[in-house]
């Protein structure tokens, strides 16, 4: 039996979604957050590492990309970033995406 972690369901929903606000930068950032999540739905990633993994060099672009994931419902801020500590986020599937996925699973089964 294959174990599915929360990050797996989250990434599947994100890859399958057709939200035009999720451009390649948002999807790449989401993938990086999923890699840092491990077995839970909580994630974090230092900005320096996020820049390295996504290729986003500008702090403003990094913040804008993260805010898009938050505003679209893919991340929820659990702990604000502060000096020498990255913000902590919960990976969530927006209600509209979750309903669509459940409907697809029911029609496939």
C-alpha atoms as a PDB file:
ATOM      1  CA  UNK A   1       0.000   0.000   0.000  1.00  0.00           C
ATOM      2  CA  UNK A   2       1.316   3.426  -0.945  1.00  0.00           C
ATOM      3  CA  UNK A   3       1.204   6.106   1.725  1.00  0.00           C
ATOM      4  CA  UNK A   4      -0.112   9.482   0.578  1.00  0.00           C
ATOM      5  CA  UNK A   5       1.007  12.432   2.606  1.00  0.00           C
ATOM      6  CA  UNK A   6      -0.973  15.701   2.774  1.00  0.00           C
ATOM      7  CA  UNK A   7       1.596  17.363   0.519  1.00  0.00           C
ATOM      8  CA  UNK A   8       0.877  14.793  -2.220  1.00  0.00           C
ATOM      9  CA  UNK A   9      -2.843  15.633  -2.334  1.00  0.00           C
ATOM     10  CA  UNK A  10      -2.002  19.339  -2.169  1.00  0.00           C
ATOM     11  CA  UNK A  11       0.434  19.166  -5.086  1.00  0.00           C
ATOM     12  CA  UNK A  12      -1.958  17.059  -7.176  1.00  0.00           C
ATOM     13  CA  UNK A  13      -4.736  19.606  -6.636  1.00  0.00           C
ATOM     14  CA  UNK A  14      -2.398  22.492  -7.446  1.00  0.00           C
ATOM     15  CA  UNK A  15      -1.052  20.896 -10.654  1.00  0.00           C
ATOM     16  CA  UNK A  16      -4.578  20.035 -11.822  1.00  0.00           C
ATOM     17  CA  UNK A  17      -6.113  23.425 -11.080  1.00  0.00           C
ATOM     18  CA  UNK A  18      -6.801  25.803 -13.938  1.00  0.00           C
ATOM     19  CA  UNK A  19      -6.534  29.042 -11.959  1.00  0.00           C
ATOM     20  CA  UNK A  20      -4.940  31.614 -14.303  1.00  0.00           C
ATOM     21  CA  UNK A  21      -3.424  33.396 -11.281  1.00  0.00           C
ATOM     22  CA  UNK A  22      -1.111  30.424 -10.733  1.00  0.00           C
ATOM     23  CA  UNK A  23       1.710  31.109 -13.106  1.00  0.00           C
ATOM     24  CA  UNK A  24       4.949  29.083 -13.292  1.00  0.00           C
ATOM     25  CA  UNK A  25       6.523  31.082 -10.445  1.00  0.00           C
ATOM     26  CA  UNK A  26       3.631  30.253  -8.083  1.00  0.00           C
ATOM     27  CA  UNK A  27       3.698  26.584  -9.058  1.00  0.00           C
ATOM     28  CA  UNK A  28       7.472  26.387  -8.598  1.00  0.00           C
ATOM     29  CA  UNK A  29       7.219  28.057  -5.202  1.00  0.00           C
ATOM     30  CA  UNK A  30       4.420  25.671  -4.229  1.00  0.00           C
ATOM     31  CA  UNK A  31       6.544  22.687  -5.226  1.00  0.00           C
ATOM     32  CA  UNK A  32       9.390  23.990  -3.061  1.00  0.00           C
ATOM     33  CA  UNK A  33       7.073  24.434  -0.081  1.00  0.00           C
ATOM     34  CA  UNK A  34       5.796  20.877  -0.593  1.00  0.00           C
ATOM     35  CA  UNK A  35       9.365  19.562  -0.516  1.00  0.00           C
ATOM     36  CA  UNK A  36       9.875  21.250   2.850  1.00  0.00           C
ATOM     37  CA  UNK A  37       6.582  19.956   4.293  1.00  0.00           C
ATOM     38  CA  UNK A  38       7.692  16.381   4.790  1.00  0.00           C
ATOM     39  CA  UNK A  39       4.829  14.276   6.135  1.00  0.00           C
ATOM     40  CA  UNK A  40       2.673  17.140   7.392  1.00  0.00           C
ATOM     41  CA  UNK A  41       0.627  19.980   5.944  1.00  0.00           C
ATOM     42  CA  UNK A  42       2.852  22.594   7.628  1.00  0.00           C
ATOM     43  CA  UNK A  43       5.697  24.063   5.630  1.00  0.00           C
ATOM     44  CA  UNK A  44       8.401  26.696   5.642  1.00  0.00           C
ATOM     45  CA  UNK A  45      11.405  27.592   3.509  1.00  0.00           C
ATOM     46  CA  UNK A  46      14.071  30.237   4.084  1.00  0.00           C
ATOM     47  CA  UNK A  47      13.894  33.029   1.484  1.00  0.00           C
ATOM     48  CA  UNK A  48      17.480  32.426   0.419  1.00  0.00           C
ATOM     49  CA  UNK A  49      16.705  28.772  -0.313  1.00  0.00           C
ATOM     50  CA  UNK A  50      13.422  29.710  -2.022  1.00  0.00           C
ATOM     51  CA  UNK A  51      15.360  32.080  -4.310  1.00  0.00           C
ATOM     52  CA  UNK A  52      17.853  29.354  -5.138  1.00  0.00           C
ATOM     53  CA  UNK A  53      15.205  26.732  -5.887  1.00  0.00           C
ATOM     54  CA  UNK A  54      12.785  28.948  -7.845  1.00  0.00           C
ATOM     55  CA  UNK A  55      15.189  31.257  -9.650  1.00  0.00           C
ATOM     56  CA  UNK A  56      13.301  34.283  -8.292  1.00  0.00           C
ATOM     57  CA  UNK A  57      15.998  36.775  -7.364  1.00  0.00           C
ATOM     58  CA  UNK A  58      13.905  39.776  -6.340  1.00  0.00           C
ATOM     59  CA  UNK A  59      12.598  39.932  -2.768  1.00  0.00           C
ATOM     60  CA  UNK A  60       9.532  41.834  -4.015  1.00  0.00           C
ATOM     61  CA  UNK A  61       8.731  39.144  -6.582  1.00  0.00           C
ATOM     62  CA  UNK A  62       9.237  36.439  -3.967  1.00  0.00           C
ATOM     63  CA  UNK A  63       6.798  38.178  -1.605  1.00  0.00           C
ATOM     64  CA  UNK A  64       4.275  38.839  -4.395  1.00  0.00           C
ATOM     65  CA  UNK A  65       4.395  35.190  -5.481  1.00  0.00           C
ATOM     66  CA  UNK A  66       3.863  33.994  -1.900  1.00  0.00           C
ATOM     67  CA  UNK A  67       0.987  36.460  -1.423  1.00  0.00           C
ATOM     68  CA  UNK A  68      -0.693  35.069  -4.541  1.00  0.00           C
ATOM     69  CA  UNK A  69      -0.595  31.553  -3.079  1.00  0.00           C
ATOM     70  CA  UNK A  70      -2.053  32.917   0.166  1.00  0.00           C
ATOM     71  CA  UNK A  71      -4.766  35.046  -1.484  1.00  0.00           C
ATOM     72  CA  UNK A  72      -5.855  32.163  -3.751  1.00  0.00           C
ATOM     73  CA  UNK A  73      -6.212  29.873  -0.715  1.00  0.00           C
ATOM     74  CA  UNK A  74      -3.280  27.510  -1.284  1.00  0.00           C
ATOM     75  CA  UNK A  75      -1.309  28.674   1.776  1.00  0.00           C
ATOM     76  CA  UNK A  76      -2.455  29.968   5.155  1.00  0.00           C
ATOM     77  CA  UNK A  77       0.038  31.871   7.266  1.00  0.00           C
ATOM     78  CA  UNK A  78       0.413  30.102  10.617  1.00  0.00           C
ATOM     79  CA  UNK A  79       3.401  32.056  11.927  1.00  0.00           C
ATOM     80  CA  UNK A  80       4.651  35.368  10.576  1.00  0.00           C
ATOM     81  CA  UNK A  81       8.283  35.557   9.479  1.00  0.00           C
ATOM     82  CA  UNK A  82      10.600  37.388  11.846  1.00  0.00           C
ATOM     83  CA  UNK A  83      14.300  38.035  12.162  1.00  0.00           C
ATOM     84  CA  UNK A  84      16.303  34.873  11.433  1.00  0.00           C
ATOM     85  CA  UNK A  85      13.126  32.775  11.173  1.00  0.00           C
ATOM     86  CA  UNK A  86      11.029  31.916   8.134  1.00  0.00           C
ATOM     87  CA  UNK A  87       7.269  32.170   8.129  1.00  0.00           C
ATOM     88  CA  UNK A  88       5.295  28.972   8.662  1.00  0.00           C
ATOM     89  CA  UNK A  89       2.386  28.084   6.387  1.00  0.00           C
ATOM     90  CA  UNK A  90      -0.349  25.452   6.227  1.00  0.00           C
ATOM     91  CA  UNK A  91      -0.902  23.967   2.779  1.00  0.00           C
ATOM     92  CA  UNK A  92      -4.624  24.063   2.009  1.00  0.00           C
ATOM     93  CA  UNK A  93      -6.750  23.182  -1.000  1.00  0.00           C
ATOM     94  CA  UNK A  94      -9.174  26.020  -1.785  1.00  0.00           C
ATOM     95  CA  UNK A  95     -12.817  25.044  -1.322  1.00  0.00           C
ATOM     96  CA  UNK A  96     -13.623  25.314  -5.049  1.00  0.00           C
ATOM     97  CA  UNK A  97     -10.696  23.053  -5.995  1.00  0.00           C
ATOM     98  CA  UNK A  98     -11.557  20.531  -3.284  1.00  0.00           C
ATOM     99  CA  UNK A  99     -15.170  20.288  -4.478  1.00  0.00           C
ATOM    100  CA  UNK A 100     -14.022  19.799  -8.080  1.00  0.00           C
ATOM    101  CA  UNK A 101     -11.591  17.014  -7.064  1.00  0.00           C
ATOM    102  CA  UNK A 102     -14.228  15.195  -4.982  1.00  0.00           C
ATOM    103  CA  UNK A 103     -16.667  15.350  -7.902  1.00  0.00           C
ATOM    104  CA  UNK A 104     -14.038  13.939 -10.279  1.00  0.00           C
ATOM    105  CA  UNK A 105     -13.179  11.119  -7.854  1.00  0.00           C
ATOM    106  CA  UNK A 106     -16.864  10.177  -7.479  1.00  0.00           C
ATOM    107  CA  UNK A 107     -17.428  10.114 -11.241  1.00  0.00           C
ATOM    108  CA  UNK A 108     -14.277   7.995 -11.755  1.00  0.00           C
ATOM    109  CA  UNK A 109     -15.219   5.492  -9.032  1.00  0.00           C
END
